[in-house]
Amino acid sequence: MACKIVMLSCLLFAACATSDDGKPVNFSLTAKQNYEKGLAELKDENYPEALRYFTYVKQKFPFSRYAALAELAAADTEFARSAYQEAIDGYKSFLRLHPKHEKVEEGYVSFRIAEAYVKEMPDDWFLVPPSHEKDQSAVYDALRELNSLIDRYPNSKYLKPAREYRRAVLGRLIDHEVYVARFYLEHGHPKGAVLRIREALRRYPDSGRDAELLLTLGETQLEMGNPASAKQTFLRVTLDNATAVEVHRAELFLAFIKRRFGDEPNDASPQG
């Protein structure tokens, strides 16, 4: 009789546990039931409870198809509660362990990894340095993952939002490159500014921000005393896909160069 009471107590304990914040979690008998309970908790934004259900499925039903689904759902839960690095780790683990899973082959997992990096990108906050002055490692990570997704899953339904994210990421990187170039220029290192802008033009040819970079490059070349190189750079602005404002700025610089240096200006430095 005593043994039966002990066994019953163990079963009751296994069926009812407590989540990290003290709320009761009642486990069910099957993997499917516990997985669905986890999804319900995730939908209700009860993240600790959701994670307990998904963890239970993975541990108690490791050979069930719901074990893999629970692993992915756990990463989704981390993403939903803004724990982006934990989400990235979870998605990458899923990608490594289940490379042929439908959620991998349709591009979902790769998209979520990229999206998590996007969410980790620095924000602009009042009275702190703007985002383009901060560490850009998450931005580079986001671009790498987005490029990988676009290359590997050309028919993915996540391609459109991935491209939208990519445009935003490229914009952030261009802002950073312009900031660094102007920093070099303002602190007496124009050659460093030129190298930075040229590298940005080479690395991000489809950023849609070429005209802005070229204007900064032309200004820097003028600062270096190289009006001939600046003239060629500003002419590129008028020929490229620039806005009317950017073209007008380039034309003002060209008029200044002609007035100051004549029709055939010469460079003072061979590295303009």
Protein backbone atom coordinates (compact mmCIF):
# COMPACT_ATOMS: atom_id res chain seq x y z
CA MET A 1 0.00 0.00 0.00
CA ALA A 2 2.83 2.37 0.91
CA CYS A 3 4.53 1.70 -2.43
CA LYS A 4 1.33 2.56 -4.30
CA ILE A 5 1.03 5.84 -2.41
CA VAL A 6 4.64 6.73 -3.26
CA MET A 7 4.13 5.86 -6.94
CA LEU A 8 0.94 7.92 -7.06
CA SER A 9 2.73 10.86 -5.48
CA CYS A 10 5.50 10.64 -8.09
CA LEU A 11 2.98 10.59 -10.93
CA LEU A 12 1.18 13.60 -9.54
CA PHE A 13 4.46 15.45 -9.14
CA ALA A 14 5.47 14.66 -12.72
CA ALA A 15 2.12 15.86 -14.05
CA CYS A 16 2.20 19.16 -12.17
CA ALA A 17 5.28 21.33 -11.93
CA THR A 18 6.02 24.98 -11.33
CA SER A 19 7.37 27.40 -13.90
CA ASP A 20 10.25 29.76 -13.21
CA ASP A 21 7.94 32.53 -11.99
CA GLY A 22 5.97 30.23 -9.70
CA LYS A 23 2.91 29.55 -11.88
CA PRO A 24 1.70 25.92 -12.03
CA VAL A 25 2.37 23.91 -15.18
CA ASN A 26 0.23 20.82 -15.71
CA PHE A 27 1.84 18.36 -18.06
CA SER A 28 -0.27 15.99 -20.15
CA LEU A 29 0.30 12.39 -21.23
CA THR A 30 1.34 12.83 -24.85
CA ALA A 31 3.94 14.87 -26.72
CA LYS A 32 1.26 16.43 -28.92
CA GLN A 33 -0.80 17.61 -25.96
CA ASN A 34 2.17 19.19 -24.21
CA TYR A 35 3.38 20.79 -27.42
CA GLU A 36 -0.05 22.32 -28.03
CA LYS A 37 -0.19 23.56 -24.45
CA GLY A 38 3.16 25.23 -25.05
CA LEU A 39 1.86 26.91 -28.20
CA ALA A 40 -1.17 28.17 -26.27
CA GLU A 41 1.07 29.65 -23.58
CA LEU A 42 3.26 31.23 -26.26
CA LYS A 43 0.22 32.79 -27.92
CA ASP A 44 -0.85 34.21 -24.54
CA GLU A 45 2.70 35.55 -24.02
CA ASN A 46 3.25 33.32 -20.99
CA TYR A 47 6.84 32.63 -21.99
CA PRO A 48 8.21 30.78 -18.93
CA GLU A 49 5.28 28.35 -19.06
CA ALA A 50 5.68 27.86 -22.81
CA LEU A 51 9.36 27.06 -22.40
CA ARG A 52 8.58 24.53 -19.68
CA TYR A 53 6.18 22.65 -21.96
CA PHE A 54 8.59 22.68 -24.91
CA THR A 55 11.47 21.54 -22.73
CA TYR A 56 9.31 18.74 -21.32
CA VAL A 57 8.45 17.52 -24.83
CA LYS A 58 12.12 17.48 -25.85
CA GLN A 59 13.21 15.63 -22.73
CA LYS A 60 10.35 13.14 -22.32
CA PHE A 61 9.57 12.44 -26.00
CA PRO A 62 12.95 12.76 -27.78
CA PHE A 63 11.96 10.45 -30.66
CA SER A 64 8.62 12.07 -31.34
CA ARG A 65 8.17 14.44 -34.29
CA TYR A 66 7.01 16.95 -31.71
CA ALA A 67 10.47 17.03 -30.13
CA ALA A 68 11.88 18.90 -33.14
CA LEU A 69 8.82 21.14 -33.30
CA ALA A 70 9.22 21.91 -29.61
CA GLU A 71 12.87 22.76 -30.14
CA LEU A 72 11.92 25.26 -32.84
CA ALA A 73 9.04 26.63 -30.76
CA ALA A 74 11.42 27.20 -27.86
CA ALA A 75 13.56 29.39 -30.12
CA ASP A 76 10.40 31.21 -31.23
CA THR A 77 9.57 31.79 -27.58
CA GLU A 78 12.98 33.29 -26.88
CA PHE A 79 12.50 35.55 -29.90
CA ALA A 80 9.03 36.60 -28.74
CA ARG A 81 10.34 37.62 -25.32
CA SER A 82 13.15 39.65 -26.96
CA ALA A 83 15.91 37.27 -25.83
CA TYR A 84 17.44 37.49 -29.28
CA GLN A 85 20.83 35.92 -28.61
CA GLU A 86 19.14 32.91 -27.00
CA ALA A 87 16.81 32.74 -30.00
CA ILE A 88 19.75 32.84 -32.41
CA ASP A 89 21.47 30.03 -30.52
CA GLY A 90 18.25 27.99 -30.62
CA TYR A 91 17.65 28.51 -34.32
CA LYS A 92 21.27 27.71 -35.20
CA SER A 93 21.10 24.53 -33.14
CA PHE A 94 17.90 23.53 -34.92
CA LEU A 95 19.52 24.27 -38.30
CA ARG A 96 22.48 22.09 -37.42
CA LEU A 97 20.45 19.17 -36.04
CA HIS A 98 17.59 19.22 -38.57
CA PRO A 99 19.04 20.45 -41.91
CA LYS A 100 16.29 18.74 -43.94
CA HIS A 101 13.35 19.89 -41.84
CA GLU A 102 10.62 21.68 -43.82
CA LYS A 103 11.03 24.81 -41.71
CA VAL A 104 14.69 24.89 -42.73
CA GLU A 105 14.12 24.19 -46.40
CA GLU A 106 11.44 26.88 -46.73
CA GLY A 107 13.85 29.46 -45.28
CA TYR A 108 11.96 30.11 -42.05
CA VAL A 109 14.83 29.29 -39.69
CA SER A 110 17.38 31.33 -41.63
CA PHE A 111 14.95 34.25 -41.80
CA ARG A 112 14.40 34.19 -38.05
CA ILE A 113 18.15 34.13 -37.40
CA ALA A 114 18.58 37.17 -39.64
CA GLU A 115 15.58 38.91 -38.07
CA ALA A 116 16.96 38.33 -34.58
CA TYR A 117 20.23 39.99 -35.61
CA VAL A 118 18.22 42.89 -37.05
CA LYS A 119 16.42 43.25 -33.71
CA GLU A 120 19.80 43.33 -31.96
CA MET A 121 21.01 46.26 -34.04
CA PRO A 122 21.62 49.38 -31.90
CA ASP A 123 18.78 51.89 -31.67
CA ASP A 124 18.80 55.66 -31.50
CA TRP A 125 18.08 56.95 -28.01
CA PHE A 126 17.81 60.49 -26.70
CA LEU A 127 21.08 61.86 -25.25
CA VAL A 128 23.18 58.91 -26.41
CA PRO A 129 25.31 58.52 -29.55
CA PRO A 130 23.24 57.78 -32.68
CA SER A 131 23.12 54.19 -33.84
CA HIS A 132 25.62 54.70 -36.67
CA GLU A 133 28.27 55.68 -34.08
CA LYS A 134 27.83 52.48 -32.05
CA ASP A 135 29.26 49.00 -32.47
CA GLN A 136 28.03 47.59 -35.78
CA SER A 137 28.75 43.87 -35.22
CA ALA A 138 25.04 42.94 -35.10
CA VAL A 139 24.49 44.91 -38.31
CA TYR A 140 27.22 42.97 -40.12
CA ASP A 141 25.80 39.72 -38.73
CA ALA A 142 22.34 40.67 -40.00
CA LEU A 143 23.65 41.44 -43.48
CA ARG A 144 25.55 38.15 -43.62
CA GLU A 145 22.48 36.13 -42.66
CA LEU A 146 20.18 38.04 -45.01
CA ASN A 147 22.58 37.55 -47.92
CA SER A 148 22.77 33.85 -47.10
CA LEU A 149 18.98 33.54 -46.99
CA ILE A 150 18.53 35.34 -50.33
CA ASP A 151 21.21 33.20 -51.98
CA ARG A 152 20.17 29.81 -50.55
CA TYR A 153 16.38 30.12 -50.67
CA PRO A 154 15.52 32.12 -53.82
CA ASN A 155 11.91 30.84 -53.78
CA SER A 156 11.26 31.36 -50.08
CA LYS A 157 8.10 33.17 -49.03
CA TYR A 158 10.31 35.11 -46.61
CA LEU A 159 12.30 36.67 -49.44
CA LYS A 160 10.28 39.90 -49.60
CA PRO A 161 10.63 40.81 -45.89
CA ALA A 162 14.26 39.67 -46.04
CA ARG A 163 14.97 42.15 -48.84
CA GLU A 164 13.21 44.91 -46.90
CA TYR A 165 15.37 44.15 -43.88
CA ARG A 166 18.44 44.11 -46.11
CA ARG A 167 17.72 47.61 -47.41
CA ALA A 168 17.42 48.87 -43.84
CA VAL A 169 20.64 47.10 -42.84
CA LEU A 170 22.55 48.52 -45.80
CA GLY A 171 21.26 51.97 -44.93
CA ARG A 172 22.59 51.59 -41.40
CA LEU A 173 25.98 50.47 -42.69
CA ILE A 174 26.20 53.38 -45.12
CA ASP A 175 25.32 55.80 -42.31
CA HIS A 176 28.18 54.32 -40.32
CA GLU A 177 30.66 54.53 -43.21
CA VAL A 178 29.76 58.18 -43.88
CA TYR A 179 30.10 58.95 -40.17
CA VAL A 180 33.56 57.34 -40.01
CA ALA A 181 34.68 59.07 -43.23
CA ARG A 182 33.59 62.47 -41.92
CA PHE A 183 35.31 61.73 -38.61
CA TYR A 184 38.57 61.08 -40.48
CA LEU A 185 38.09 64.23 -42.53
CA GLU A 186 37.34 66.45 -39.53
CA HIS A 187 40.39 65.12 -37.68
CA GLY A 188 42.85 65.72 -40.49
CA HIS A 189 42.97 62.26 -42.08
CA PRO A 190 41.41 62.75 -45.55
CA LYS A 191 43.20 59.75 -47.04
CA GLY A 192 41.53 57.51 -44.46
CA ALA A 193 38.19 59.04 -45.41
CA VAL A 194 38.79 58.32 -49.11
CA LEU A 195 39.74 54.72 -48.43
CA ARG A 196 36.68 54.24 -46.23
CA ILE A 197 34.25 55.59 -48.82
CA ARG A 198 35.79 53.66 -51.70
CA GLU A 199 35.60 50.46 -49.67
CA ALA A 200 31.93 51.16 -48.92
CA LEU A 201 31.22 51.70 -52.62
CA ARG A 202 32.94 48.39 -53.39
CA ARG A 203 31.28 46.37 -50.61
CA TYR A 204 27.73 47.73 -50.94
CA PRO A 205 27.17 48.34 -54.67
CA ASP A 206 23.40 47.85 -54.41
CA SER A 207 22.80 49.99 -51.33
CA GLY A 208 20.95 52.70 -53.24
CA ARG A 209 23.16 55.24 -51.43
CA ASP A 210 25.98 55.56 -53.99
CA ALA A 211 25.24 59.23 -54.68
CA GLU A 212 25.54 60.12 -51.00
CA LEU A 213 28.85 58.29 -50.75
CA LEU A 214 30.14 59.93 -53.92
CA LEU A 215 29.25 63.39 -52.64
CA THR A 216 31.19 62.72 -49.45
CA LEU A 217 34.10 61.37 -51.50
CA GLY A 218 34.10 64.45 -53.74
CA GLU A 219 34.11 66.78 -50.75
CA THR A 220 37.01 64.84 -49.27
CA GLN A 221 38.98 65.02 -52.52
CA LEU A 222 38.47 68.78 -52.59
CA GLU A 223 39.70 68.97 -49.00
CA MET A 224 42.83 67.09 -50.10
CA GLY A 225 43.46 69.60 -52.87
CA ASN A 226 42.53 67.24 -55.69
CA PRO A 227 39.92 69.14 -57.75
CA ALA A 228 40.40 66.93 -60.83
CA SER A 229 39.47 63.78 -58.92
CA ALA A 230 36.63 65.63 -57.20
CA LYS A 231 35.29 66.78 -60.58
CA GLN A 232 35.16 63.20 -61.88
CA THR A 233 33.45 62.06 -58.68
CA PHE A 234 30.78 64.78 -58.84
CA LEU A 235 30.17 63.99 -62.51
CA ARG A 236 29.42 60.40 -61.47
CA VAL A 237 26.74 61.72 -59.12
CA THR A 238 24.97 63.48 -61.99
CA LEU A 239 25.09 60.30 -64.10
CA ASP A 240 24.10 57.79 -61.40
CA ASN A 241 20.66 57.13 -59.96
CA ALA A 242 20.69 60.14 -57.64
CA THR A 243 17.91 62.30 -56.27
CA ALA A 244 17.30 65.81 -57.58
CA VAL A 245 18.77 67.26 -54.38
CA GLU A 246 21.94 65.17 -54.72
CA VAL A 247 22.34 66.11 -58.37
CA HIS A 248 21.91 69.78 -57.46
CA ARG A 249 24.60 69.53 -54.79
CA ALA A 250 26.97 67.86 -57.26
CA GLU A 251 26.30 70.59 -59.83
CA LEU A 252 27.07 73.30 -57.25
CA PHE A 253 30.40 71.63 -56.49
CA LEU A 254 31.18 71.33 -60.21
CA ALA A 255 30.43 75.03 -60.71
CA PHE A 256 32.72 75.87 -57.78
CA ILE A 257 35.55 73.74 -59.21
CA LYS A 258 35.22 75.37 -62.63
CA ARG A 259 35.19 78.87 -61.14
CA ARG A 260 38.11 78.19 -58.80
CA PHE A 261 40.31 75.83 -60.84
CA GLY A 262 39.18 76.22 -64.45
CA ASP A 263 37.96 73.63 -66.96
CA GLU A 264 40.98 71.35 -66.59
CA PRO A 265 41.92 71.26 -62.90
CA ASN A 266 44.95 69.35 -61.65
CA ASP A 267 45.38 67.24 -58.54
CA ALA A 268 47.93 68.17 -55.90
CA SER A 269 48.11 64.57 -54.64
CA PRO A 270 48.28 61.34 -56.69
CA GLN A 271 46.02 59.60 -54.12
CA GLY A 272 42.87 61.64 -54.67
